[in-house]
């Protein structure tokens, strides 16, 4: 290969690497922007829900001013209602006390600060079963934050495995059996005998042949090892 050709290949390789790096950088930046937008949406939705709940409780607490006294007797809380309220309050208090721990865990799961913030916002907006540990809750939040990405990666991995399996099958199917009668597989002493008898190796027919005076051909069948006249 000439020096000029090697130079061209080096330039093309360098440009390809540069383009790949640029593409990866753009993908990371797009993921960061997407995570930031999703975190904002999650936070706004949670704050909206919290405001609606607060308004509802405020109106309920002042309902006595608009109805007659005898109709304003509040219904007592059931045991089930009380358990639900207490469970929600416990989770809210735990989340407030565990802010630092939650943030650190989210950062350890995420690939960027934006993704970590999204995980935190999702965790704030969800109510988890009481038996789940904080780590399990944040891992669940990570899965929610990256659901589409994880499914895409799973599908891509399945496609790659299928393609690999197809390549392996094609390779096996196109494997060619080594032609019988290959000269190099014939023992040296046998080859020497054939040559002394006037036989020569035909690379086309892949067998020992001998031309006869009548124009015919005598050859040694590589399968049966017998001499045949054709």
Foldseek 3Di string as FASTA:
>chain_A
DDPVVVVVVVVVVVVVVVVVVVVVVVVVVVVLVVLLVLLVVLQVVQVVVVVVVVVVVVCLVCVPVVDDPVVNDDDDDDPVRVVVVVLVVVLQVVCVVCVVVLLVLLVVVDPDSSSSSQLNSQLNRDRDPPVDDSNRSSVVSSCVSCVVVVVVVVVVVVVVVVVVVVVVVVVVVPDDDDDFLAPVVDDPVVVVVLVVVVWDADPVVSWTWHADPVRWIWTQDRPVRHIDID
